[in-house]
């Protein structure tokens, strides 16, 4: 008789356990089925990624969300380092929204989005990425090559000329004086010689 009571008790516990398990499975299925209805839209993928540093400008900025988007009420902007717009017109396709990227300067870019899903839930957010583009070096002026070294112009002042000794344009007079004196002496000697011969004769 004790064995029959023990067996009946075990059957009762087993039934209760099965009932509890069935309830838990049902609740789990209910919760899993309700999750998509309760979940709000959210960003699941971004290109370029948040805080990414790019060495080349991307062709476009594209965001993908959890739920399908509505074209009306979906906005996506990209602002450049100078505060100006760096994106073209918005394109919505299913769960993705994209804009062509028009920035070129290096620096930080801010992506801001405001999307409206099919269930009417509005999602807003923003993030940044950087564009590290080497700045083009300014063309260095070509060195000016002087074809000829320009020497300082000479002073117009005329160079001083050393005085030139005047040698005289006329013939020297002293040879004539000397010749006359010699001739006088010769003439006098001849005259004296003639007188002496006459006296001796």
N, C-alpha and C. Protein backbone atom coordinates (compact mmCIF):
# COMPACT_ATOMS: atom_id res chain seq x y z
N UNK A 1 0.84 -1.21 0.00
CA UNK A 1 0.00 0.00 0.00
C UNK A 1 0.86 1.24 0.00
N UNK A 2 2.01 1.20 0.69
CA UNK A 2 2.94 2.32 0.70
C UNK A 2 3.51 2.56 -0.67
N UNK A 3 3.74 1.46 -1.42
CA UNK A 3 4.30 1.62 -2.76
C UNK A 3 3.31 2.33 -3.67
N UNK A 4 2.05 2.04 -3.57
CA UNK A 4 1.05 2.68 -4.44
C UNK A 4 0.96 4.17 -4.15
N UNK A 5 1.06 4.55 -2.86
CA UNK A 5 1.05 5.99 -2.53
C UNK A 5 2.28 6.70 -3.09
N UNK A 6 3.43 5.99 -3.00
CA UNK A 6 4.66 6.60 -3.49
C UNK A 6 4.58 6.81 -5.00
N UNK A 7 4.01 5.85 -5.70
CA UNK A 7 3.89 5.96 -7.14
C UNK A 7 2.92 7.06 -7.55
N UNK A 8 1.82 7.15 -6.84
CA UNK A 8 0.84 8.20 -7.16
C UNK A 8 1.43 9.58 -6.92
N UNK A 9 2.26 9.70 -5.88
CA UNK A 9 2.90 10.99 -5.60
C UNK A 9 3.88 11.37 -6.69
N UNK A 10 4.62 10.40 -7.20
CA UNK A 10 5.58 10.67 -8.26
C UNK A 10 4.86 11.08 -9.53
N UNK A 11 3.73 10.44 -9.82
CA UNK A 11 2.95 10.81 -11.01
C UNK A 11 2.44 12.24 -10.90
N UNK A 12 2.04 12.62 -9.69
CA UNK A 12 1.51 13.97 -9.48
C UNK A 12 2.60 15.00 -9.70
N UNK A 13 3.80 14.72 -9.19
CA UNK A 13 4.93 15.66 -9.38
C UNK A 13 5.28 15.78 -10.84
N UNK A 14 5.27 14.64 -11.53
CA UNK A 14 5.60 14.65 -12.94
C UNK A 14 4.58 15.46 -13.74
N UNK A 15 3.31 15.32 -13.38
CA UNK A 15 2.28 16.09 -14.09
C UNK A 15 2.44 17.58 -13.86
N UNK A 16 2.71 17.92 -12.60
CA UNK A 16 2.88 19.35 -12.30
C UNK A 16 4.10 19.92 -13.04
N UNK A 17 5.18 19.13 -13.07
CA UNK A 17 6.36 19.60 -13.79
C UNK A 17 6.09 19.79 -15.26
N UNK A 18 5.34 18.86 -15.84
CA UNK A 18 5.01 18.98 -17.25
C UNK A 18 4.14 20.20 -17.51
N UNK A 19 3.22 20.46 -16.57
CA UNK A 19 2.34 21.62 -16.73
C UNK A 19 3.13 22.92 -16.65
N UNK A 20 4.06 22.96 -15.67
CA UNK A 20 4.88 24.17 -15.54
C UNK A 20 5.74 24.38 -16.78
N UNK A 21 6.31 23.29 -17.31
CA UNK A 21 7.13 23.38 -18.51
C UNK A 21 6.32 23.86 -19.70
N UNK A 22 5.10 23.36 -19.81
CA UNK A 22 4.25 23.80 -20.91
C UNK A 22 3.93 25.28 -20.83
N UNK A 23 3.69 25.74 -19.59
CA UNK A 23 3.41 27.18 -19.41
C UNK A 23 4.62 28.02 -19.79
N UNK A 24 5.81 27.59 -19.39
CA UNK A 24 7.02 28.34 -19.72
C UNK A 24 7.28 28.38 -21.22
N UNK A 25 7.06 27.23 -21.88
CA UNK A 25 7.25 27.19 -23.33
C UNK A 25 6.27 28.12 -24.02
N UNK A 26 5.01 28.12 -23.54
CA UNK A 26 4.01 29.01 -24.13
C UNK A 26 4.36 30.46 -23.94
N UNK A 27 4.83 30.83 -22.75
CA UNK A 27 5.23 32.22 -22.50
C UNK A 27 6.43 32.62 -23.37
N UNK A 28 7.34 31.66 -23.52
CA UNK A 28 8.51 31.97 -24.35
C UNK A 28 8.13 32.22 -25.79
N UNK A 29 7.23 31.37 -26.29
CA UNK A 29 6.79 31.57 -27.67
C UNK A 29 6.05 32.88 -27.84
N UNK A 30 5.26 33.21 -26.83
CA UNK A 30 4.52 34.46 -26.88
C UNK A 30 5.46 35.66 -26.89
N UNK A 31 6.49 35.58 -26.04
CA UNK A 31 7.44 36.69 -25.97
C UNK A 31 8.23 36.82 -27.27
N UNK A 32 8.67 35.68 -27.81
CA UNK A 32 9.43 35.73 -29.06
C UNK A 32 8.60 36.25 -30.20
N UNK A 33 7.32 35.88 -30.21
CA UNK A 33 6.46 36.37 -31.28
C UNK A 33 6.15 37.84 -31.13
N UNK A 34 6.18 38.35 -29.93
CA UNK A 34 5.85 39.76 -29.71
C UNK A 34 7.04 40.67 -29.86
N UNK A 35 8.26 40.12 -29.88
CA UNK A 35 9.46 40.97 -29.91
C UNK A 35 9.51 41.89 -31.11
N UNK A 36 9.26 41.41 -32.36
CA UNK A 36 9.30 42.32 -33.50
C UNK A 36 8.30 43.44 -33.38
N UNK A 37 7.17 43.17 -32.80
CA UNK A 37 6.15 44.22 -32.69
C UNK A 37 6.56 45.26 -31.66
N UNK A 38 7.27 44.81 -30.60
CA UNK A 38 7.64 45.76 -29.55
C UNK A 38 8.94 46.51 -29.89
N UNK A 39 9.79 45.91 -30.70
CA UNK A 39 11.10 46.51 -30.96
C UNK A 39 10.95 47.79 -31.76
N UNK A 40 11.72 48.84 -31.38
CA UNK A 40 11.75 50.09 -32.12
C UNK A 40 12.85 50.01 -33.17
N UNK A 41 12.74 50.90 -34.17
CA UNK A 41 13.76 50.92 -35.22
C UNK A 41 15.08 51.39 -34.63
N UNK A 42 16.19 50.89 -35.20
CA UNK A 42 17.53 51.24 -34.70
C UNK A 42 18.53 51.11 -35.81
N UNK A 43 19.61 51.88 -35.71
CA UNK A 43 20.69 51.82 -36.69
C UNK A 43 21.50 50.55 -36.45
N UNK A 44 21.68 49.75 -37.50
CA UNK A 44 22.42 48.50 -37.35
C UNK A 44 23.75 48.53 -38.11
N UNK A 45 23.88 49.41 -39.09
CA UNK A 45 25.13 49.46 -39.86
C UNK A 45 25.31 50.85 -40.46
N UNK A 46 26.56 51.34 -40.45
CA UNK A 46 26.85 52.66 -41.02
C UNK A 46 28.12 52.58 -41.86
N UNK A 47 28.10 53.27 -42.97
CA UNK A 47 29.27 53.35 -43.85
C UNK A 47 29.40 54.78 -44.36
N UNK A 48 30.48 55.47 -43.98
CA UNK A 48 31.60 55.08 -43.13
C UNK A 48 31.16 54.83 -41.68
N UNK A 49 31.96 54.05 -40.97
CA UNK A 49 31.62 53.72 -39.60
C UNK A 49 31.88 54.89 -38.66
N UNK A 50 31.28 54.79 -37.48
CA UNK A 50 31.44 55.83 -36.47
C UNK A 50 32.91 55.93 -36.06
N UNK A 51 33.41 57.17 -36.00
CA UNK A 51 34.79 57.48 -35.58
C UNK A 51 35.84 56.88 -36.51
N UNK A 52 35.44 56.51 -37.73
CA UNK A 52 36.41 55.97 -38.68
C UNK A 52 37.29 57.09 -39.22
N UNK A 53 38.53 56.75 -39.58
CA UNK A 53 39.45 57.69 -40.22
C UNK A 53 39.76 57.17 -41.61
N UNK A 54 39.34 57.91 -42.62
CA UNK A 54 39.50 57.49 -44.01
C UNK A 54 40.64 58.25 -44.66
N UNK A 55 41.37 57.58 -45.53
CA UNK A 55 42.45 58.22 -46.27
C UNK A 55 41.99 58.65 -47.66
N UNK A 56 40.77 58.28 -48.02
CA UNK A 56 40.20 58.70 -49.30
C UNK A 56 38.71 58.97 -49.10
N UNK A 57 38.19 59.91 -49.83
CA UNK A 57 36.78 60.29 -49.68
C UNK A 57 35.88 59.14 -50.14
N UNK A 58 34.83 58.80 -49.36
CA UNK A 58 33.91 57.73 -49.77
C UNK A 58 33.00 58.23 -50.88
N UNK A 59 32.48 57.29 -51.64
CA UNK A 59 31.55 57.67 -52.71
C UNK A 59 30.21 58.11 -52.15
N UNK A 60 29.81 57.50 -51.01
CA UNK A 60 28.50 57.80 -50.43
C UNK A 60 28.52 57.50 -48.94
N UNK A 61 27.54 58.05 -48.23
CA UNK A 61 27.29 57.73 -46.83
C UNK A 61 26.00 56.93 -46.79
N UNK A 62 26.05 55.72 -46.23
CA UNK A 62 24.89 54.83 -46.24
C UNK A 62 24.63 54.29 -44.84
N UNK A 63 23.36 54.36 -44.41
CA UNK A 63 22.94 53.85 -43.11
C UNK A 63 21.87 52.78 -43.31
N UNK A 64 22.01 51.69 -42.56
CA UNK A 64 21.04 50.60 -42.63
C UNK A 64 20.39 50.42 -41.26
N UNK A 65 19.05 50.31 -41.24
CA UNK A 65 18.30 50.24 -39.99
C UNK A 65 17.63 48.89 -39.83
N UNK A 66 17.07 48.68 -38.64
CA UNK A 66 16.43 47.41 -38.30
C UNK A 66 15.12 47.21 -39.05
N UNK A 67 14.37 48.28 -39.24
CA UNK A 67 13.05 48.20 -39.87
C UNK A 67 13.04 48.98 -41.17
N UNK A 68 12.04 48.69 -41.99
CA UNK A 68 11.88 49.37 -43.28
C UNK A 68 11.55 50.84 -43.04
N UNK A 69 12.14 51.70 -43.89
CA UNK A 69 12.00 53.15 -43.72
C UNK A 69 10.94 53.70 -44.67
N UNK A 70 10.39 54.84 -44.27
CA UNK A 70 9.46 55.57 -45.11
C UNK A 70 10.22 56.71 -45.77
N UNK A 71 9.97 56.93 -47.04
CA UNK A 71 10.67 58.01 -47.75
C UNK A 71 10.33 59.36 -47.16
N UNK A 72 9.05 59.54 -46.84
CA UNK A 72 8.62 60.80 -46.24
C UNK A 72 9.07 60.84 -44.78
N UNK A 73 9.76 61.90 -44.43
CA UNK A 73 10.20 62.06 -43.05
C UNK A 73 11.56 61.48 -42.76
N UNK A 74 12.24 60.93 -43.76
CA UNK A 74 13.59 60.40 -43.56
C UNK A 74 14.60 61.43 -44.06
N UNK A 75 15.52 61.81 -43.19
CA UNK A 75 16.52 62.82 -43.52
C UNK A 75 17.92 62.28 -43.20
N UNK A 76 18.88 62.69 -44.02
CA UNK A 76 20.27 62.31 -43.80
C UNK A 76 21.16 63.45 -44.31
N UNK A 77 21.95 64.03 -43.43
CA UNK A 77 22.82 65.14 -43.80
C UNK A 77 24.27 64.83 -43.40
N UNK A 78 25.19 65.43 -44.12
CA UNK A 78 26.62 65.32 -43.81
C UNK A 78 27.18 66.74 -43.80
N UNK A 79 27.80 67.13 -42.71
CA UNK A 79 28.37 68.47 -42.57
C UNK A 79 29.88 68.38 -42.53
N UNK A 80 30.55 69.23 -43.32
CA UNK A 80 32.00 69.20 -43.42
C UNK A 80 32.69 69.97 -42.31
N UNK A 81 34.03 69.98 -42.31
CA UNK A 81 34.79 70.68 -41.26
C UNK A 81 34.51 72.18 -41.23
N UNK A 82 34.15 72.74 -42.39
CA UNK A 82 33.87 74.17 -42.46
C UNK A 82 32.42 74.50 -42.15
N UNK A 83 31.62 73.49 -41.80
CA UNK A 83 30.22 73.72 -41.48
C UNK A 83 29.30 73.68 -42.68
N UNK A 84 29.86 73.46 -43.86
CA UNK A 84 29.03 73.41 -45.06
C UNK A 84 28.54 72.00 -45.36
N UNK A 85 27.50 71.92 -46.19
CA UNK A 85 26.93 70.62 -46.56
C UNK A 85 27.92 69.84 -47.42
N UNK A 86 27.99 68.53 -47.16
CA UNK A 86 28.92 67.67 -47.90
C UNK A 86 28.22 66.43 -48.41
N UNK A 87 26.95 66.58 -48.80
CA UNK A 87 26.18 65.44 -49.28
C UNK A 87 25.15 65.90 -50.30
N UNK A 88 24.77 64.95 -51.18
CA UNK A 88 23.77 65.23 -52.20
C UNK A 88 22.38 64.82 -51.75
N UNK A 89 21.47 64.57 -52.69
CA UNK A 89 20.08 64.23 -52.35
C UNK A 89 19.96 62.87 -51.67
N UNK A 90 18.94 62.74 -50.83
CA UNK A 90 18.71 61.51 -50.05
C UNK A 90 18.00 60.47 -50.89
N UNK A 91 18.47 59.20 -50.74
CA UNK A 91 17.82 58.07 -51.40
C UNK A 91 17.44 57.03 -50.35
N UNK A 92 16.16 56.63 -50.31
CA UNK A 92 15.67 55.62 -49.35
C UNK A 92 15.34 54.35 -50.12
N UNK A 93 15.88 53.23 -49.65
CA UNK A 93 15.63 51.94 -50.30
C UNK A 93 15.48 50.86 -49.23
N UNK A 94 14.23 50.49 -48.94
CA UNK A 94 13.99 49.46 -47.94
C UNK A 94 14.39 49.92 -46.55
N UNK A 95 15.37 49.25 -45.98
CA UNK A 95 15.86 49.60 -44.65
C UNK A 95 17.07 50.52 -44.68
N UNK A 96 17.48 50.96 -45.87
CA UNK A 96 18.70 51.76 -46.01
C UNK A 96 18.38 53.15 -46.53
N UNK A 97 19.19 54.11 -46.11
CA UNK A 97 19.13 55.47 -46.60
C UNK A 97 20.56 55.89 -46.93
N UNK A 98 20.74 56.61 -48.04
CA UNK A 98 22.08 56.98 -48.46
C UNK A 98 22.07 58.34 -49.13
N UNK A 99 23.26 58.95 -49.15
CA UNK A 99 23.47 60.22 -49.85
C UNK A 99 24.85 60.17 -50.50
N UNK A 100 25.01 60.75 -51.68
CA UNK A 100 26.35 60.83 -52.27
C UNK A 100 27.21 61.80 -51.46
N UNK A 101 28.47 61.43 -51.25
CA UNK A 101 29.38 62.26 -50.47
C UNK A 101 30.07 63.25 -51.40
N UNK A 102 30.02 64.53 -51.05
CA UNK A 102 30.58 65.57 -51.90
C UNK A 102 31.74 66.30 -51.24
N UNK A 103 32.16 65.86 -50.04
CA UNK A 103 33.27 66.53 -49.37
C UNK A 103 34.60 66.16 -49.99
N UNK A 104 35.59 67.03 -49.79
CA UNK A 104 36.94 66.76 -50.30
C UNK A 104 38.02 67.17 -49.32
N UNK A 105 37.74 68.16 -48.47
CA UNK A 105 38.75 68.65 -47.54
C UNK A 105 38.97 67.67 -46.41
N UNK A 106 40.17 67.65 -45.88
CA UNK A 106 40.46 66.82 -44.73
C UNK A 106 39.86 67.41 -43.46
N UNK A 107 39.50 66.55 -42.52
CA UNK A 107 38.92 67.01 -41.26
C UNK A 107 37.80 66.11 -40.80
N UNK A 108 37.03 66.59 -39.80
CA UNK A 108 35.93 65.81 -39.22
C UNK A 108 34.62 66.12 -39.94
N UNK A 109 33.86 65.07 -40.23
CA UNK A 109 32.55 65.20 -40.85
C UNK A 109 31.48 64.64 -39.90
N UNK A 110 30.36 65.33 -39.85
CA UNK A 110 29.27 64.92 -38.96
C UNK A 110 28.10 64.40 -39.79
N UNK A 111 27.70 63.15 -39.48
CA UNK A 111 26.55 62.52 -40.14
C UNK A 111 25.36 62.61 -39.18
N UNK A 112 24.29 63.25 -39.62
CA UNK A 112 23.08 63.37 -38.80
C UNK A 112 21.91 62.74 -39.55
N UNK A 113 21.12 61.92 -38.84
CA UNK A 113 20.00 61.24 -39.48
C UNK A 113 18.73 61.39 -38.66
N UNK A 114 17.63 61.36 -39.39
CA UNK A 114 16.29 61.38 -38.79
C UNK A 114 15.42 60.52 -39.70
N UNK A 115 15.12 59.33 -39.24
CA UNK A 115 14.41 58.36 -40.09
C UNK A 115 13.08 57.98 -39.47
N UNK A 116 12.13 57.72 -40.35
CA UNK A 116 10.79 57.32 -39.92
C UNK A 116 10.51 55.92 -40.46
N UNK A 117 10.25 54.98 -39.55
CA UNK A 117 9.99 53.60 -39.96
C UNK A 117 8.51 53.41 -40.30
N UNK A 118 8.19 52.23 -40.85
CA UNK A 118 6.82 51.94 -41.28
C UNK A 118 5.84 51.95 -40.10
N UNK A 119 6.33 51.62 -38.89
CA UNK A 119 5.43 51.61 -37.73
C UNK A 119 5.23 53.00 -37.15
N UNK A 120 5.84 54.02 -37.82
CA UNK A 120 5.66 55.40 -37.37
C UNK A 120 6.66 55.85 -36.32
N UNK A 121 7.63 54.99 -35.97
CA UNK A 121 8.60 55.36 -34.95
C UNK A 121 9.71 56.20 -35.58
N UNK A 122 10.02 57.34 -34.94
CA UNK A 122 11.03 58.27 -35.43
C UNK A 122 12.34 58.03 -34.67
N UNK A 123 13.42 57.90 -35.40
CA UNK A 123 14.74 57.67 -34.80
C UNK A 123 15.67 58.79 -35.25
N UNK A 124 16.36 59.40 -34.30
CA UNK A 124 17.32 60.46 -34.59
C UNK A 124 18.68 60.09 -34.01
N UNK A 125 19.72 60.60 -34.62
CA UNK A 125 21.07 60.36 -34.10
C UNK A 125 22.11 61.02 -34.99
N UNK A 126 23.35 60.94 -34.55
CA UNK A 126 24.46 61.50 -35.33
C UNK A 126 25.76 60.84 -34.89
N UNK A 127 26.75 60.93 -35.74
CA UNK A 127 28.09 60.44 -35.40
C UNK A 127 29.09 61.15 -36.30
N UNK A 128 30.38 60.94 -36.04
CA UNK A 128 31.43 61.61 -36.80
C UNK A 128 32.39 60.60 -37.41
N UNK A 129 32.99 61.00 -38.51
CA UNK A 129 34.13 60.27 -39.08
C UNK A 129 35.10 61.31 -39.63
N UNK A 130 36.35 60.89 -39.82
CA UNK A 130 37.39 61.83 -40.25
C UNK A 130 37.91 61.45 -41.63
N UNK A 131 38.26 62.48 -42.36
CA UNK A 131 38.87 62.30 -43.67
C UNK A 131 40.28 62.86 -43.61
N UNK A 132 41.26 61.96 -43.67
CA UNK A 132 42.66 62.36 -43.58
C UNK A 132 43.24 62.40 -45.00
N UNK A 133 43.07 63.53 -45.63
CA UNK A 133 43.57 63.69 -47.00
C UNK A 133 44.78 64.60 -46.95
N UNK A 134 45.86 64.13 -47.55
CA UNK A 134 47.08 64.94 -47.58
C UNK A 134 46.81 66.20 -48.37
N UNK A 135 47.14 67.33 -47.76
CA UNK A 135 46.91 68.60 -48.44
C UNK A 135 47.93 68.76 -49.55
N UNK A 136 47.43 69.18 -50.69
CA UNK A 136 48.34 69.38 -51.81
C UNK A 136 49.25 70.54 -51.52
N UNK A 137 50.55 70.27 -51.70
CA UNK A 137 51.54 71.31 -51.41
C UNK A 137 51.41 72.42 -52.43
N UNK A 138 51.52 73.66 -51.95
CA UNK A 138 51.46 74.81 -52.84
C UNK A 138 52.66 74.77 -53.77
N UNK A 139 52.47 75.06 -55.07
CA UNK A 139 53.60 75.02 -56.00
C UNK A 139 54.65 76.02 -55.63
N UNK A 140 55.86 75.52 -55.42
CA UNK A 140 56.95 76.40 -55.02
C UNK A 140 57.39 77.21 -56.22
N UNK A 141 57.65 78.50 -56.03
CA UNK A 141 58.07 79.33 -57.16
C UNK A 141 59.39 78.83 -57.71
N UNK A 142 59.45 78.74 -59.04
CA UNK A 142 60.67 78.26 -59.66
C UNK A 142 61.79 79.25 -59.41
N UNK A 143 62.97 78.73 -59.07
CA UNK A 143 64.08 79.66 -58.78
C UNK A 143 64.43 80.48 -59.99
N UNK A 144 64.61 81.76 -59.77
CA UNK A 144 64.95 82.66 -60.87
C UNK A 144 66.44 82.57 -61.10
N UNK A 145 66.81 82.13 -62.28
CA UNK A 145 68.22 82.00 -62.62
C UNK A 145 68.63 83.21 -63.43
N UNK A 146 69.56 83.94 -62.90
CA UNK A 146 70.03 85.11 -63.63
C UNK A 146 71.00 84.65 -64.70
N UNK A 147 70.65 84.95 -65.94
CA UNK A 147 71.51 84.53 -67.04
C UNK A 147 72.84 85.25 -67.00
N UNK A 148 72.83 86.42 -66.50
CA UNK A 148 74.08 87.17 -66.41
C UNK A 148 74.05 87.98 -65.14
N UNK A 149 75.12 87.94 -64.43
CA UNK A 149 75.22 88.71 -63.20
C UNK A 149 75.33 90.17 -63.57
N UNK A 150 74.39 90.93 -63.08
CA UNK A 150 74.39 92.35 -63.41
C UNK A 150 75.36 93.05 -62.49
N UNK A 151 76.37 93.59 -63.07
CA UNK A 151 77.36 94.30 -62.26
C UNK A 151 76.88 95.71 -62.04
N UNK A 152 77.15 96.25 -60.89
CA UNK A 152 76.73 97.63 -60.63
C UNK A 152 77.31 98.57 -61.67
N UNK A 153 76.48 99.47 -62.15
CA UNK A 153 76.92 100.39 -63.20
C UNK A 153 78.03 101.27 -62.69
N UNK A 154 78.95 101.53 -63.58
CA UNK A 154 80.11 102.34 -63.20
C UNK A 154 79.65 103.77 -62.96
N UNK A 155 80.32 104.41 -62.08
CA UNK A 155 80.00 105.80 -61.77
C UNK A 155 80.28 106.65 -62.97
N UNK A 156 79.38 107.57 -63.28
CA UNK A 156 79.62 108.42 -64.45
C UNK A 156 80.78 109.36 -64.27
N UNK A 157 81.27 109.45 -63.05
CA UNK A 157 82.37 110.40 -62.83
C UNK A 157 83.57 109.94 -63.63
N UNK A 158 84.15 110.84 -64.35
CA UNK A 158 85.32 110.51 -65.18
C UNK A 158 86.50 110.27 -64.29
N UNK A 159 87.29 109.26 -64.67
CA UNK A 159 88.50 108.97 -63.90
C UNK A 159 89.49 110.10 -64.08
N UNK A 160 90.16 110.42 -62.99
CA UNK A 160 91.14 111.51 -63.05
C UNK A 160 92.34 111.08 -63.88
N UNK A 161 92.79 111.96 -64.71
CA UNK A 161 93.92 111.67 -65.60
C UNK A 161 95.16 112.36 -65.08
N UNK A 162 96.21 111.58 -64.95
CA UNK A 162 97.46 112.15 -64.45
C UNK A 162 97.99 113.15 -65.47
N UNK A 163 98.47 114.29 -64.99
CA UNK A 163 98.99 115.31 -65.94
C UNK A 163 100.17 114.77 -66.72
N UNK A 164 100.19 115.06 -68.00
CA UNK A 164 101.26 114.60 -68.89
C UNK A 164 102.23 115.75 -69.10
N UNK A 165 103.50 115.45 -68.88
CA UNK A 165 104.53 116.50 -69.02
C UNK A 165 104.58 116.96 -70.46
N UNK A 166 104.62 118.29 -70.60
CA UNK A 166 104.68 118.88 -71.94
C UNK A 166 106.12 118.83 -72.43
N UNK A 167 106.34 118.06 -73.49
CA UNK A 167 107.71 117.93 -74.02
C UNK A 167 108.05 119.06 -74.96
N UNK A 168 107.02 119.86 -75.28
CA UNK A 168 107.32 120.99 -76.19
C UNK A 168 107.17 120.58 -77.63
N UNK A 169 106.56 121.44 -78.37
CA UNK A 169 106.35 121.15 -79.77
C UNK A 169 107.51 121.61 -80.64
N UNK A 170 108.27 122.64 -80.14
CA UNK A 170 109.37 123.17 -80.95
C UNK A 170 110.67 122.38 -80.76
N UNK A 171 111.62 122.60 -81.62
CA UNK A 171 112.92 121.96 -81.52
C UNK A 171 113.68 122.56 -80.36
N UNK A 172 114.57 121.81 -79.73
CA UNK A 172 115.37 122.37 -78.61
C UNK A 172 116.32 123.44 -79.13
N UNK A 173 116.50 124.51 -78.33
CA UNK A 173 117.32 125.64 -78.78
C UNK A 173 118.78 125.49 -78.43
N UNK A 174 119.11 124.67 -77.43
CA UNK A 174 120.50 124.62 -77.00
C UNK A 174 121.48 124.03 -78.02
N UNK A 175 121.05 123.10 -78.91
CA UNK A 175 122.04 122.65 -79.91
C UNK A 175 122.50 123.77 -80.83
N UNK A 176 121.55 124.70 -81.14
CA UNK A 176 121.94 125.81 -82.02
C UNK A 176 122.91 126.75 -81.34
N UNK A 177 122.64 126.99 -80.07
CA UNK A 177 123.55 127.88 -79.33
C UNK A 177 124.95 127.27 -79.28
N UNK A 178 125.00 125.98 -78.96
CA UNK A 178 126.32 125.31 -78.88
C UNK A 178 127.04 125.32 -80.22
N UNK A 179 126.26 125.08 -81.28
CA UNK A 179 126.89 125.06 -82.62
C UNK A 179 127.43 126.42 -83.01
N UNK A 180 126.65 127.46 -82.63
CA UNK A 180 127.12 128.82 -82.96
C UNK A 180 128.40 129.15 -82.22
N UNK A 181 128.44 128.68 -80.98
CA UNK A 181 129.65 128.97 -80.19
C UNK A 181 130.87 128.26 -80.79
N UNK A 182 130.65 127.01 -81.16
CA UNK A 182 131.78 126.25 -81.77
C UNK A 182 132.21 126.89 -83.08
N UNK A 183 131.21 127.29 -83.87
CA UNK A 183 131.53 127.93 -85.14
C UNK A 183 132.31 129.23 -84.92
N UNK A 184 131.91 129.99 -83.86
CA UNK A 184 132.61 131.23 -83.55
C UNK A 184 134.06 130.98 -83.18
N UNK A 185 134.26 129.94 -82.42
CA UNK A 185 135.62 129.62 -82.00
C UNK A 185 136.47 129.21 -83.20
N UNK A 186 135.86 128.42 -84.08
CA UNK A 186 136.61 128.00 -85.26
C UNK A 186 136.97 129.20 -86.14
N UNK A 187 136.00 130.08 -86.30
CA UNK A 187 136.26 131.26 -87.14
C UNK A 187 137.36 132.12 -86.53
N UNK A 188 137.26 132.28 -85.19
CA UNK A 188 138.30 133.09 -84.52
C UNK A 188 139.67 132.46 -84.65
N UNK A 189 139.72 131.14 -84.54
CA UNK A 189 141.02 130.45 -84.65
C UNK A 189 141.60 130.60 -86.04
N UNK A 190 140.74 130.54 -87.05
CA UNK A 190 141.22 130.68 -88.44
C UNK A 190 141.76 132.08 -88.66
N UNK A 191 141.03 133.07 -88.12
CA UNK A 191 141.47 134.46 -88.29
C UNK A 191 142.82 134.67 -87.62
N UNK A 192 143.01 134.18 -86.44
CA UNK A 192 144.29 134.33 -85.73
C UNK A 192 145.40 133.63 -86.48
N UNK A 193 145.09 132.47 -87.04
CA UNK A 193 146.13 131.73 -87.78
C UNK A 193 146.57 132.51 -89.01
N UNK A 194 145.62 133.13 -89.68
CA UNK A 194 145.94 133.91 -90.88
C UNK A 194 146.79 135.10 -90.51
N UNK A 195 146.48 135.80 -89.40
CA UNK A 195 147.24 136.96 -88.97
C UNK A 195 148.66 136.55 -88.64
N UNK A 196 148.83 135.46 -87.98
CA UNK A 196 150.19 135.04 -87.62
C UNK A 196 151.02 134.72 -88.85
N UNK A 197 150.49 134.11 -89.85
CA UNK A 197 151.23 133.82 -91.06
C UNK A 197 151.63 135.07 -91.80
N UNK A 198 150.71 136.06 -91.79
CA UNK A 198 151.02 137.32 -92.46
C UNK A 198 152.16 138.02 -91.72
N UNK A 199 152.14 137.99 -90.42
CA UNK A 199 153.22 138.67 -89.67
C UNK A 199 154.56 137.99 -89.90
N UNK A 200 154.57 136.71 -90.08
CA UNK A 200 155.82 136.02 -90.28
C UNK A 200 156.34 136.23 -91.73
N UNK A 201 155.51 136.60 -92.64
CA UNK A 201 155.95 136.71 -94.01
C UNK A 201 156.77 138.00 -94.25
